[in-house]
């Protein structure tokens, strides 16, 4: 496992160097990466948005169809939540507390009836996307507080950032504090840790949806393995993107 961490760390450092060297290309890459991020995040929840829908929503284009207003609000909110996480990640020390959790949840649910305030669920929903065991409603405040305390412990802080992100996400999903949005909040909090440490956000692709759900029923290392694979895949795609862009520039310069 340590060897895999070192490999990802070295490749991440190389990618960050390339992004600093070419801010314009880096900006284009980040925009494309975030479109993929939002697409797969929603696909994990069973909602599929096309590339055109994502681009139109984020460009704030006029809506010809009233039926897509809600969908566009969800997309825009997700981008706002991502921007919030990126801003929080710039702090010298990342804060993982109830205030941040509530702010992320509120960003995702802004303007959506019943979703604008982070209220803990009061029941055990029969019909939900996730099928792992979740906490009884009465235990949510205690268990969430316990998770937050753990994230401030020496044991947590001394572990590798990827392990931190996995433990936080897995623990949050066992609590499952909100009827809707718990999955998105959990993954955004995990990515807050990763972004703070200089990594690309971890995107679990929709093709791994079932495997992701299953990992939540199993011990935390199963989720960590999936995250490691996702991060390796993201770096491979990023390396390919920058290599192809550089080659295209050289070819154009020769002409």
Protein backbone atom coordinates (compact mmCIF):
# COMPACT_ATOMS: atom_id res chain seq x y z
CA UNK A 1 0.00 0.00 0.00
CA UNK A 2 2.82 2.40 0.87
CA UNK A 3 4.31 1.93 -2.61
CA UNK A 4 1.00 2.86 -4.19
CA UNK A 5 0.78 6.00 -2.09
CA UNK A 6 4.30 7.00 -3.13
CA UNK A 7 3.48 6.46 -6.81
CA UNK A 8 0.33 8.57 -6.60
CA UNK A 9 2.16 11.25 -4.62
CA UNK A 10 5.00 11.49 -7.16
CA UNK A 11 2.66 11.61 -10.16
CA UNK A 12 0.46 14.18 -8.44
CA UNK A 13 3.48 16.38 -7.80
CA UNK A 14 4.49 16.11 -11.47
CA UNK A 15 0.97 16.99 -12.59
CA UNK A 16 0.82 20.01 -10.29
CA UNK A 17 4.14 21.21 -11.73
CA UNK A 18 2.74 20.95 -15.27
CA UNK A 19 -0.41 22.82 -14.26
CA UNK A 20 1.62 25.64 -12.72
CA UNK A 21 3.73 25.88 -15.87
CA UNK A 22 0.69 26.28 -18.13
CA UNK A 23 -2.18 28.04 -16.28
CA UNK A 24 -4.37 28.35 -19.39
CA UNK A 25 -4.17 24.65 -20.18
CA UNK A 26 -4.63 23.84 -16.50
CA UNK A 27 -7.82 25.91 -16.40
CA UNK A 28 -9.21 24.08 -19.42
CA UNK A 29 -8.35 20.74 -17.83
CA UNK A 30 -9.99 21.67 -14.51
CA UNK A 31 -13.18 22.77 -16.29
CA UNK A 32 -13.41 19.47 -18.14
CA UNK A 33 -12.54 17.53 -14.99
CA UNK A 34 -15.29 19.24 -13.02
CA UNK A 35 -17.86 18.43 -15.71
CA UNK A 36 -16.86 14.79 -15.36
CA UNK A 37 -16.96 15.12 -11.58
CA UNK A 38 -20.53 16.44 -11.53
CA UNK A 39 -21.66 13.89 -14.13
CA UNK A 40 -20.35 10.86 -12.25
CA UNK A 41 -21.37 12.18 -8.82
CA UNK A 42 -24.98 12.38 -9.95
CA UNK A 43 -24.75 9.09 -11.83
CA UNK A 44 -23.76 7.40 -8.57
CA UNK A 45 -27.06 8.68 -7.20
CA UNK A 46 -28.94 7.31 -10.21
CA UNK A 47 -29.33 10.61 -12.08
CA UNK A 48 -27.76 10.91 -15.53
CA UNK A 49 -27.01 14.33 -17.03
CA UNK A 50 -25.75 14.73 -20.57
CA UNK A 51 -22.73 16.84 -21.38
CA UNK A 52 -25.03 19.39 -23.04
CA UNK A 53 -27.24 19.61 -19.94
CA UNK A 54 -24.22 20.15 -17.72
CA UNK A 55 -22.71 22.79 -20.01
CA UNK A 56 -26.02 24.64 -20.40
CA UNK A 57 -26.73 24.65 -16.67
CA UNK A 58 -23.27 25.90 -15.74
CA UNK A 59 -23.40 28.57 -18.46
CA UNK A 60 -26.69 29.82 -17.00
CA UNK A 61 -28.35 29.60 -20.39
CA UNK A 62 -32.06 30.54 -20.66
CA UNK A 63 -34.37 27.59 -20.12
CA UNK A 64 -36.79 26.71 -22.90
CA UNK A 65 -38.23 23.76 -21.00
CA UNK A 66 -39.65 24.34 -17.52
CA UNK A 67 -39.17 20.64 -16.78
CA UNK A 68 -35.40 21.05 -16.57
CA UNK A 69 -35.43 23.91 -14.08
CA UNK A 70 -35.02 21.54 -11.14
CA UNK A 71 -32.26 19.60 -12.85
CA UNK A 72 -30.36 22.77 -13.72
CA UNK A 73 -30.67 23.97 -10.12
CA UNK A 74 -29.14 20.68 -8.90
CA UNK A 75 -26.23 21.03 -11.33
CA UNK A 76 -25.54 24.65 -10.44
CA UNK A 77 -25.77 23.87 -6.75
CA UNK A 78 -23.26 21.07 -7.17
CA UNK A 79 -20.80 23.46 -8.79
CA UNK A 80 -21.32 25.93 -5.95
CA UNK A 81 -20.65 23.15 -3.44
CA UNK A 82 -17.47 22.20 -5.31
CA UNK A 83 -16.32 25.83 -5.24
CA UNK A 84 -17.07 25.94 -1.51
CA UNK A 85 -14.96 22.83 -0.92
CA UNK A 86 -12.12 24.25 -3.01
CA UNK A 87 -12.23 27.46 -0.96
CA UNK A 88 -12.23 25.55 2.34
CA UNK A 89 -9.28 23.49 1.08
CA UNK A 90 -7.15 26.65 0.79
CA UNK A 91 -7.11 27.09 4.57
CA UNK A 92 -3.93 26.28 6.45
CA UNK A 93 -5.84 23.63 8.39
CA UNK A 94 -8.92 21.90 7.07
CA UNK A 95 -11.87 22.08 9.43
CA UNK A 96 -14.07 19.00 9.52
CA UNK A 97 -16.92 20.04 11.76
CA UNK A 98 -20.70 20.41 11.80
CA UNK A 99 -20.49 23.95 10.42
CA UNK A 100 -18.68 22.79 7.28
CA UNK A 101 -20.99 19.79 6.89
CA UNK A 102 -24.06 22.02 7.12
CA UNK A 103 -22.61 24.54 4.66
CA UNK A 104 -21.87 21.84 2.08
CA UNK A 105 -25.34 20.37 2.50
CA UNK A 106 -26.97 23.81 2.22
CA UNK A 107 -25.03 24.57 -0.96
CA UNK A 108 -26.24 21.36 -2.57
CA UNK A 109 -29.85 22.02 -1.59
CA UNK A 110 -30.11 25.78 -2.08
CA UNK A 111 -33.44 26.78 -3.60
CA UNK A 112 -34.82 23.24 -3.44
CA UNK A 113 -37.86 22.69 -1.23
CA UNK A 114 -37.00 20.75 1.92
CA UNK A 115 -33.30 20.63 1.11
CA UNK A 116 -31.95 24.06 2.03
CA UNK A 117 -31.31 23.27 5.71
CA UNK A 118 -29.29 20.35 7.06
CA UNK A 119 -31.83 18.50 9.17
CA UNK A 120 -31.01 15.00 10.33
CA UNK A 121 -33.32 12.29 9.05
CA UNK A 122 -36.01 11.15 11.42
CA UNK A 123 -36.72 7.73 9.97
CA UNK A 124 -35.19 4.70 8.28
CA UNK A 125 -36.08 5.25 4.60
CA UNK A 126 -37.36 2.08 2.94
CA UNK A 127 -36.57 3.21 -0.58
CA UNK A 128 -33.10 4.65 -1.03
CA UNK A 129 -30.21 4.31 -3.44
CA UNK A 130 -27.82 2.85 -0.87
CA UNK A 131 -28.46 -0.54 0.69
CA UNK A 132 -25.85 -0.76 3.46
CA UNK A 133 -26.76 -0.60 7.14
CA UNK A 134 -27.21 2.94 8.42
CA UNK A 135 -27.54 4.43 11.90
CA UNK A 136 -30.84 4.67 13.69
CA UNK A 137 -32.09 8.29 13.66
CA UNK A 138 -31.74 8.71 17.42
CA UNK A 139 -28.04 7.85 17.22
CA UNK A 140 -27.14 10.24 14.38
CA UNK A 141 -26.01 13.24 16.51
CA UNK A 142 -23.81 11.08 18.74
CA UNK A 143 -22.25 9.05 15.93
CA UNK A 144 -21.63 12.06 13.72
CA UNK A 145 -20.03 13.87 16.65
CA UNK A 146 -17.87 10.83 17.31
CA UNK A 147 -16.73 10.80 13.67
CA UNK A 148 -15.88 14.50 13.81
CA UNK A 149 -13.88 13.98 16.99
CA UNK A 150 -11.99 11.12 15.36
CA UNK A 151 -11.09 13.36 12.41
CA UNK A 152 -9.37 15.67 14.89
CA UNK A 153 -7.44 12.87 16.59
CA UNK A 154 -3.71 12.21 16.31
CA UNK A 155 -4.40 8.79 14.79
CA UNK A 156 -6.39 10.35 11.96
CA UNK A 157 -4.00 13.24 11.34
CA UNK A 158 -0.98 10.92 11.16
CA UNK A 159 -2.50 8.69 8.48
CA UNK A 160 -2.06 9.25 4.74
CA UNK A 161 -4.50 11.78 3.18
CA UNK A 162 -6.09 9.10 0.98
CA UNK A 163 -6.69 6.97 4.04
CA UNK A 164 -8.12 9.99 5.84
CA UNK A 165 -10.49 10.68 2.94
CA UNK A 166 -11.62 7.07 2.80
CA UNK A 167 -12.18 6.78 6.53
CA UNK A 168 -14.15 10.01 6.65
CA UNK A 169 -16.32 9.05 3.70
CA UNK A 170 -16.94 5.51 4.90
CA UNK A 171 -17.73 6.65 8.44
CA UNK A 172 -20.06 9.39 7.25
CA UNK A 173 -21.99 6.96 5.08
CA UNK A 174 -22.45 4.57 7.99
CA UNK A 175 -24.12 7.41 9.88
CA UNK A 176 -26.02 8.60 6.78
CA UNK A 177 -27.31 11.71 8.55
CA UNK A 178 -29.54 13.10 5.79
CA UNK A 179 -32.39 11.45 3.91
CA UNK A 180 -31.12 13.01 0.68
CA UNK A 181 -27.64 14.19 -0.15
CA UNK A 182 -25.60 12.16 2.34
CA UNK A 183 -23.59 10.51 -0.43
CA UNK A 184 -22.72 13.77 -2.15
CA UNK A 185 -21.80 15.43 1.14
CA UNK A 186 -19.61 12.48 2.15
CA UNK A 187 -17.67 12.51 -1.10
CA UNK A 188 -17.27 16.29 -1.09
CA UNK A 189 -15.87 16.14 2.44
CA UNK A 190 -13.46 13.40 1.39
CA UNK A 191 -12.36 15.49 -1.56
CA UNK A 192 -11.90 18.50 0.71
CA UNK A 193 -9.09 16.55 2.37
CA UNK A 194 -7.57 15.45 -0.94
CA UNK A 195 -7.71 18.90 -2.56
CA UNK A 196 -6.16 20.44 0.54
CA UNK A 197 -3.22 18.06 0.14
CA UNK A 198 -2.81 18.86 -3.56
CA UNK A 199 -4.51 15.82 -5.11
CA UNK A 200 -7.04 15.77 -7.88
CA UNK A 201 -10.56 15.20 -6.56
CA UNK A 202 -11.38 11.50 -6.41
CA UNK A 203 -14.12 10.71 -8.93
CA UNK A 204 -15.83 7.33 -8.56
CA UNK A 205 -17.05 6.58 -12.08
CA UNK A 206 -20.62 5.49 -12.65
CA UNK A 207 -19.40 2.20 -14.12
CA UNK A 208 -18.24 1.35 -10.58
CA UNK A 209 -21.55 2.33 -8.98
CA UNK A 210 -22.43 -1.16 -7.77
CA UNK A 211 -18.92 -1.76 -6.51
CA UNK A 212 -19.06 1.55 -4.65
CA UNK A 213 -22.34 0.62 -2.99
CA UNK A 214 -20.93 -2.75 -2.02
CA UNK A 215 -17.81 -1.17 -0.51
CA UNK A 216 -20.02 0.64 1.99
CA UNK A 217 -21.27 -2.69 3.28
CA UNK A 218 -17.70 -3.89 3.79
CA UNK A 219 -14.79 -2.69 5.96
CA UNK A 220 -13.29 0.69 5.03
CA UNK A 221 -10.23 -0.67 3.13
CA UNK A 222 -12.56 -1.84 0.34
CA UNK A 223 -13.63 1.73 -0.31
CA UNK A 224 -10.03 2.88 -0.08
CA UNK A 225 -9.02 0.39 -2.76
CA UNK A 226 -11.72 1.74 -5.06
CA UNK A 227 -10.59 5.29 -4.37
CA UNK A 228 -6.97 4.42 -5.12
CA UNK A 229 -7.98 2.93 -8.46
CA UNK A 230 -10.12 5.98 -9.27
CA UNK A 231 -7.27 8.36 -8.43
CA UNK A 232 -4.80 6.32 -10.49
CA UNK A 233 -7.22 6.44 -13.44
CA UNK A 234 -7.68 10.19 -13.04
CA UNK A 235 -3.94 10.78 -13.08
CA UNK A 236 -3.52 8.59 -16.15
CA UNK A 237 -6.17 10.62 -17.98
CA UNK A 238 -4.61 13.89 -16.84
CA UNK A 239 -1.16 12.80 -17.98
CA UNK A 240 -2.60 11.80 -21.35
CA UNK A 241 -4.42 15.12 -21.68
CA UNK A 242 -1.32 17.22 -21.04
CA UNK A 243 0.89 15.02 -23.23
CA UNK A 244 -1.53 15.21 -26.16
CA UNK A 245 -1.97 18.98 -25.73
CA UNK A 246 1.79 19.51 -25.72
CA UNK A 247 2.21 17.34 -28.81
CA UNK A 248 -0.54 19.24 -30.62
CA UNK A 249 1.13 22.54 -29.81
CA UNK A 250 4.50 21.33 -31.09
CA UNK A 251 2.89 20.08 -34.29
CA UNK A 252 1.15 23.40 -34.80
CA UNK A 253 4.38 25.31 -34.19
CA UNK A 254 6.20 23.32 -36.87
CA UNK A 255 3.67 24.20 -39.56
